[in-house]
Amino acid sequence: MLVTTTDSLEGKKIVKYLGLVTGEAIMGANIFKDLFAGIRDIVGGRAAAYERELERAKNLAIEEMIERANQLGGNAVIGVDLDYETVGTNSSMLMVSANGTAVIIE
């Protein structure tokens, strides 16, 4: 499935707009505690283990969004936006959401 942040696709014709599709992934407090308790891979101010978890959450959110587009009969998602938000008491969780418009292209 074609997934893009743009609202149009060069060389492709959007024949039908199917609606908004979303995907979410929430990382709980235990993930953060485990990561920070055992981080030994900080190089140049970057925490690779933390970055891997964020990447995993982003991928899960995008996969869920794609699955919902498939359920609507779409073959592309346009206008994709990724958001990262802290939720819960004392920002104990991180939510990654992916939002876009499912479309049929030819």
N, C-alpha and C. Protein backbone atom coordinates (compact mmCIF):
# COMPACT_ATOMS: atom_id res chain seq x y z
N MET A 1 0.85 -1.18 0.00
CA MET A 1 0.00 0.00 0.00
C MET A 1 0.89 1.23 0.00
N LEU A 2 0.51 2.19 -0.81
CA LEU A 2 1.23 3.46 -0.87
C LEU A 2 0.78 4.34 0.29
N VAL A 3 1.74 4.85 1.06
CA VAL A 3 1.47 5.72 2.21
C VAL A 3 2.34 6.95 2.05
N THR A 4 1.70 8.13 2.09
CA THR A 4 2.45 9.36 1.87
C THR A 4 1.91 10.50 2.73
N THR A 5 2.78 11.45 3.02
CA THR A 5 2.37 12.63 3.78
C THR A 5 1.75 13.69 2.88
N THR A 6 1.87 13.54 1.58
CA THR A 6 1.32 14.53 0.66
C THR A 6 -0.17 14.28 0.42
N ASP A 7 -0.85 15.30 -0.10
CA ASP A 7 -2.29 15.20 -0.37
C ASP A 7 -2.59 14.76 -1.79
N SER A 8 -1.57 14.61 -2.61
CA SER A 8 -1.76 14.14 -3.98
C SER A 8 -0.61 13.21 -4.32
N LEU A 9 -0.79 12.46 -5.38
CA LEU A 9 0.22 11.49 -5.80
C LEU A 9 0.58 11.76 -7.25
N GLU A 10 1.79 12.16 -7.49
CA GLU A 10 2.23 12.47 -8.84
C GLU A 10 2.10 11.23 -9.73
N GLY A 11 1.43 11.41 -10.86
CA GLY A 11 1.27 10.32 -11.81
C GLY A 11 0.15 9.35 -11.46
N LYS A 12 -0.55 9.59 -10.37
CA LYS A 12 -1.66 8.72 -9.96
C LYS A 12 -2.93 9.55 -9.88
N LYS A 13 -4.04 8.91 -10.16
CA LYS A 13 -5.33 9.59 -10.08
C LYS A 13 -6.10 9.01 -8.89
N ILE A 14 -6.54 9.90 -8.01
CA ILE A 14 -7.37 9.48 -6.88
C ILE A 14 -8.80 9.39 -7.40
N VAL A 15 -9.35 8.17 -7.37
CA VAL A 15 -10.70 7.97 -7.91
C VAL A 15 -11.77 7.97 -6.83
N LYS A 16 -11.37 7.74 -5.57
CA LYS A 16 -12.36 7.74 -4.50
C LYS A 16 -11.67 7.99 -3.17
N TYR A 17 -12.27 8.89 -2.39
CA TYR A 17 -11.84 9.16 -1.03
C TYR A 17 -12.70 8.32 -0.10
N LEU A 18 -12.07 7.52 0.74
CA LEU A 18 -12.80 6.59 1.60
C LEU A 18 -12.96 7.08 3.03
N GLY A 19 -12.20 8.06 3.42
CA GLY A 19 -12.33 8.62 4.75
C GLY A 19 -11.08 8.51 5.60
N LEU A 20 -11.20 9.07 6.78
CA LEU A 20 -10.09 9.11 7.73
C LEU A 20 -9.80 7.72 8.28
N VAL A 21 -8.52 7.41 8.36
CA VAL A 21 -8.07 6.17 9.01
C VAL A 21 -7.01 6.54 10.03
N THR A 22 -7.02 5.81 11.13
CA THR A 22 -6.08 6.09 12.20
C THR A 22 -5.45 4.81 12.72
N GLY A 23 -4.34 4.96 13.36
CA GLY A 23 -3.68 3.86 14.07
C GLY A 23 -3.00 4.44 15.28
N GLU A 24 -3.05 3.72 16.37
CA GLU A 24 -2.43 4.19 17.60
C GLU A 24 -1.59 3.09 18.24
N ALA A 25 -0.55 3.51 18.92
CA ALA A 25 0.27 2.59 19.72
C ALA A 25 0.64 3.34 20.99
N ILE A 26 0.45 2.67 22.12
CA ILE A 26 0.76 3.31 23.40
C ILE A 26 1.85 2.50 24.09
N MET A 27 2.89 3.21 24.51
CA MET A 27 3.99 2.62 25.26
C MET A 27 3.76 2.94 26.72
N GLY A 28 3.65 1.92 27.56
CA GLY A 28 3.38 2.11 28.97
C GLY A 28 4.60 2.48 29.77
N ALA A 29 4.36 2.83 31.03
CA ALA A 29 5.42 3.27 31.92
C ALA A 29 6.48 2.20 32.13
N ASN A 30 6.10 0.93 32.13
CA ASN A 30 7.08 -0.13 32.36
C ASN A 30 8.15 -0.14 31.29
N ILE A 31 7.77 0.17 30.05
CA ILE A 31 8.77 0.21 28.98
C ILE A 31 9.81 1.27 29.29
N PHE A 32 9.36 2.46 29.72
CA PHE A 32 10.30 3.52 30.03
C PHE A 32 11.20 3.15 31.20
N LYS A 33 10.61 2.58 32.26
CA LYS A 33 11.42 2.19 33.43
C LYS A 33 12.46 1.16 33.03
N ASP A 34 12.06 0.16 32.25
CA ASP A 34 13.00 -0.87 31.81
C ASP A 34 14.10 -0.28 30.96
N LEU A 35 13.72 0.62 30.06
CA LEU A 35 14.72 1.22 29.18
C LEU A 35 15.72 2.05 29.96
N PHE A 36 15.22 2.91 30.84
CA PHE A 36 16.12 3.81 31.55
C PHE A 36 16.91 3.09 32.63
N ALA A 37 16.38 1.98 33.15
CA ALA A 37 17.11 1.23 34.16
C ALA A 37 18.32 0.53 33.55
N GLY A 38 18.21 0.14 32.29
CA GLY A 38 19.27 -0.65 31.69
C GLY A 38 19.96 -0.03 30.50
N ILE A 39 19.79 1.26 30.30
CA ILE A 39 20.41 1.88 29.12
C ILE A 39 21.92 1.94 29.31
N ARG A 40 22.60 1.26 28.39
CA ARG A 40 24.05 1.30 28.39
C ARG A 40 24.56 1.66 27.01
N ASP A 41 23.61 1.97 26.12
CA ASP A 41 24.00 2.22 24.73
C ASP A 41 23.84 3.67 24.35
N ILE A 42 24.11 4.57 25.29
CA ILE A 42 24.03 5.99 24.98
C ILE A 42 25.35 6.41 24.33
N VAL A 43 25.24 6.88 23.11
CA VAL A 43 26.41 7.31 22.36
C VAL A 43 26.12 8.69 21.79
N GLY A 44 26.94 9.65 22.09
CA GLY A 44 26.74 10.98 21.55
C GLY A 44 25.43 11.61 21.98
N GLY A 45 24.96 11.30 23.18
CA GLY A 45 23.73 11.90 23.68
C GLY A 45 22.46 11.24 23.19
N ARG A 46 22.57 10.13 22.46
CA ARG A 46 21.39 9.44 21.93
C ARG A 46 21.22 8.10 22.63
N ALA A 47 19.97 7.77 22.96
CA ALA A 47 19.67 6.50 23.62
C ALA A 47 19.08 5.56 22.58
N ALA A 48 19.90 4.67 22.07
CA ALA A 48 19.48 3.79 20.97
C ALA A 48 18.31 2.89 21.37
N ALA A 49 18.29 2.38 22.59
CA ALA A 49 17.20 1.49 23.01
C ALA A 49 15.88 2.26 23.01
N TYR A 50 15.89 3.48 23.50
CA TYR A 50 14.70 4.32 23.52
C TYR A 50 14.24 4.62 22.09
N GLU A 51 15.18 4.93 21.22
CA GLU A 51 14.85 5.22 19.83
C GLU A 51 14.24 4.00 19.14
N ARG A 52 14.74 2.82 19.45
CA ARG A 52 14.17 1.59 18.87
C ARG A 52 12.72 1.40 19.31
N GLU A 53 12.42 1.68 20.57
CA GLU A 53 11.05 1.54 21.07
C GLU A 53 10.12 2.56 20.40
N LEU A 54 10.61 3.78 20.23
CA LEU A 54 9.80 4.79 19.53
C LEU A 54 9.54 4.37 18.09
N GLU A 55 10.55 3.84 17.44
CA GLU A 55 10.41 3.36 16.06
C GLU A 55 9.39 2.22 15.99
N ARG A 56 9.45 1.32 16.96
CA ARG A 56 8.52 0.20 17.01
C ARG A 56 7.08 0.71 17.19
N ALA A 57 6.89 1.67 18.08
CA ALA A 57 5.55 2.23 18.30
C ALA A 57 5.05 2.93 17.04
N LYS A 58 5.92 3.67 16.37
CA LYS A 58 5.52 4.35 15.13
C LYS A 58 5.11 3.34 14.07
N ASN A 59 5.89 2.28 13.92
CA ASN A 59 5.57 1.25 12.92
C ASN A 59 4.25 0.56 13.23
N LEU A 60 3.99 0.29 14.51
CA LEU A 60 2.72 -0.33 14.89
C LEU A 60 1.54 0.57 14.55
N ALA A 61 1.68 1.86 14.82
CA ALA A 61 0.60 2.81 14.52
C ALA A 61 0.35 2.88 13.02
N ILE A 62 1.40 2.91 12.22
CA ILE A 62 1.25 2.96 10.76
C ILE A 62 0.63 1.67 10.24
N GLU A 63 1.08 0.53 10.76
CA GLU A 63 0.50 -0.75 10.34
C GLU A 63 -0.99 -0.82 10.64
N GLU A 64 -1.40 -0.33 11.80
CA GLU A 64 -2.82 -0.33 12.17
C GLU A 64 -3.61 0.58 11.23
N MET A 65 -3.05 1.74 10.89
CA MET A 65 -3.70 2.66 9.97
C MET A 65 -3.88 2.01 8.60
N ILE A 66 -2.84 1.33 8.12
CA ILE A 66 -2.90 0.64 6.83
C ILE A 66 -3.96 -0.46 6.85
N GLU A 67 -4.02 -1.19 7.95
CA GLU A 67 -5.02 -2.26 8.08
C GLU A 67 -6.44 -1.69 7.97
N ARG A 68 -6.67 -0.55 8.59
CA ARG A 68 -7.99 0.08 8.52
C ARG A 68 -8.30 0.58 7.12
N ALA A 69 -7.28 1.08 6.41
CA ALA A 69 -7.48 1.49 5.03
C ALA A 69 -7.82 0.29 4.16
N ASN A 70 -7.16 -0.83 4.39
CA ASN A 70 -7.46 -2.07 3.66
C ASN A 70 -8.90 -2.50 3.89
N GLN A 71 -9.36 -2.40 5.14
CA GLN A 71 -10.73 -2.78 5.47
C GLN A 71 -11.76 -1.94 4.72
N LEU A 72 -11.40 -0.71 4.41
CA LEU A 72 -12.29 0.17 3.65
C LEU A 72 -12.18 -0.04 2.14
N GLY A 73 -11.23 -0.87 1.72
CA GLY A 73 -11.02 -1.12 0.30
C GLY A 73 -10.02 -0.19 -0.35
N GLY A 74 -9.27 0.54 0.45
CA GLY A 74 -8.29 1.49 -0.10
C GLY A 74 -7.02 0.81 -0.55
N ASN A 75 -6.31 1.49 -1.45
CA ASN A 75 -5.00 1.00 -1.87
C ASN A 75 -3.90 2.04 -1.66
N ALA A 76 -4.26 3.13 -0.95
CA ALA A 76 -3.28 4.16 -0.60
C ALA A 76 -3.82 4.97 0.58
N VAL A 77 -2.90 5.59 1.31
CA VAL A 77 -3.26 6.52 2.37
C VAL A 77 -2.48 7.79 2.12
N ILE A 78 -3.19 8.91 2.02
CA ILE A 78 -2.54 10.19 1.74
C ILE A 78 -2.69 11.12 2.95
N GLY A 79 -1.89 12.19 2.96
CA GLY A 79 -1.98 13.19 4.01
C GLY A 79 -1.66 12.64 5.39
N VAL A 80 -0.73 11.71 5.47
CA VAL A 80 -0.43 11.06 6.74
C VAL A 80 0.29 12.03 7.68
N ASP A 81 -0.16 12.01 8.93
CA ASP A 81 0.44 12.82 9.98
C ASP A 81 0.74 11.91 11.16
N LEU A 82 1.93 12.04 11.71
CA LEU A 82 2.33 11.28 12.90
C LEU A 82 2.39 12.23 14.08
N ASP A 83 1.79 11.81 15.20
CA ASP A 83 1.81 12.61 16.42
C ASP A 83 2.33 11.77 17.57
N TYR A 84 3.09 12.41 18.44
CA TYR A 84 3.63 11.78 19.64
C TYR A 84 3.11 12.59 20.82
N GLU A 85 2.41 11.94 21.74
CA GLU A 85 1.83 12.62 22.90
C GLU A 85 2.09 11.81 24.16
N THR A 86 2.30 12.51 25.26
CA THR A 86 2.36 11.83 26.55
C THR A 86 0.95 11.81 27.13
N VAL A 87 0.58 10.72 27.73
CA VAL A 87 -0.75 10.57 28.32
C VAL A 87 -0.61 9.91 29.69
N GLY A 88 -1.63 10.08 30.50
CA GLY A 88 -1.63 9.46 31.82
C GLY A 88 -1.07 10.37 32.89
N THR A 89 -1.22 9.92 34.11
CA THR A 89 -0.73 10.66 35.26
C THR A 89 0.79 10.74 35.19
N ASN A 90 1.29 11.94 35.37
CA ASN A 90 2.75 12.18 35.34
C ASN A 90 3.36 11.73 34.02
N SER A 91 2.59 11.84 32.94
CA SER A 91 3.09 11.47 31.61
C SER A 91 3.68 10.07 31.61
N SER A 92 2.94 9.12 32.16
CA SER A 92 3.45 7.78 32.34
C SER A 92 3.41 6.94 31.07
N MET A 93 2.78 7.43 30.01
CA MET A 93 2.69 6.67 28.77
C MET A 93 2.93 7.60 27.58
N LEU A 94 3.42 7.01 26.52
CA LEU A 94 3.61 7.75 25.28
C LEU A 94 2.70 7.13 24.22
N MET A 95 1.91 7.97 23.56
CA MET A 95 1.04 7.50 22.49
C MET A 95 1.57 8.02 21.15
N VAL A 96 1.67 7.12 20.20
CA VAL A 96 2.02 7.49 18.83
C VAL A 96 0.77 7.25 18.00
N SER A 97 0.34 8.27 17.27
CA SER A 97 -0.83 8.09 16.40
C SER A 97 -0.46 8.45 14.97
N ALA A 98 -1.03 7.67 14.06
CA ALA A 98 -0.86 7.91 12.63
C ALA A 98 -2.26 8.15 12.06
N ASN A 99 -2.42 9.24 11.33
CA ASN A 99 -3.71 9.61 10.75
C ASN A 99 -3.53 9.95 9.28
N GLY A 100 -4.48 9.55 8.47
CA GLY A 100 -4.44 9.89 7.07
C GLY A 100 -5.79 9.64 6.42
N THR A 101 -5.85 9.83 5.12
CA THR A 101 -7.07 9.61 4.36
C THR A 101 -6.88 8.42 3.45
N ALA A 102 -7.76 7.43 3.63
CA ALA A 102 -7.72 6.24 2.77
C ALA A 102 -8.34 6.61 1.44
N VAL A 103 -7.69 6.19 0.35
CA VAL A 103 -8.17 6.49 -0.99
C VAL A 103 -7.99 5.27 -1.89
N ILE A 104 -8.67 5.34 -3.01
CA ILE A 104 -8.44 4.37 -4.09
C ILE A 104 -7.78 5.15 -5.22
N ILE A 105 -6.64 4.64 -5.67
CA ILE A 105 -5.93 5.29 -6.78
C ILE A 105 -5.86 4.33 -7.95
N GLU A 106 -5.67 4.92 -9.12
CA GLU A 106 -5.45 4.09 -10.32
C GLU A 106 -4.25 4.63 -11.08
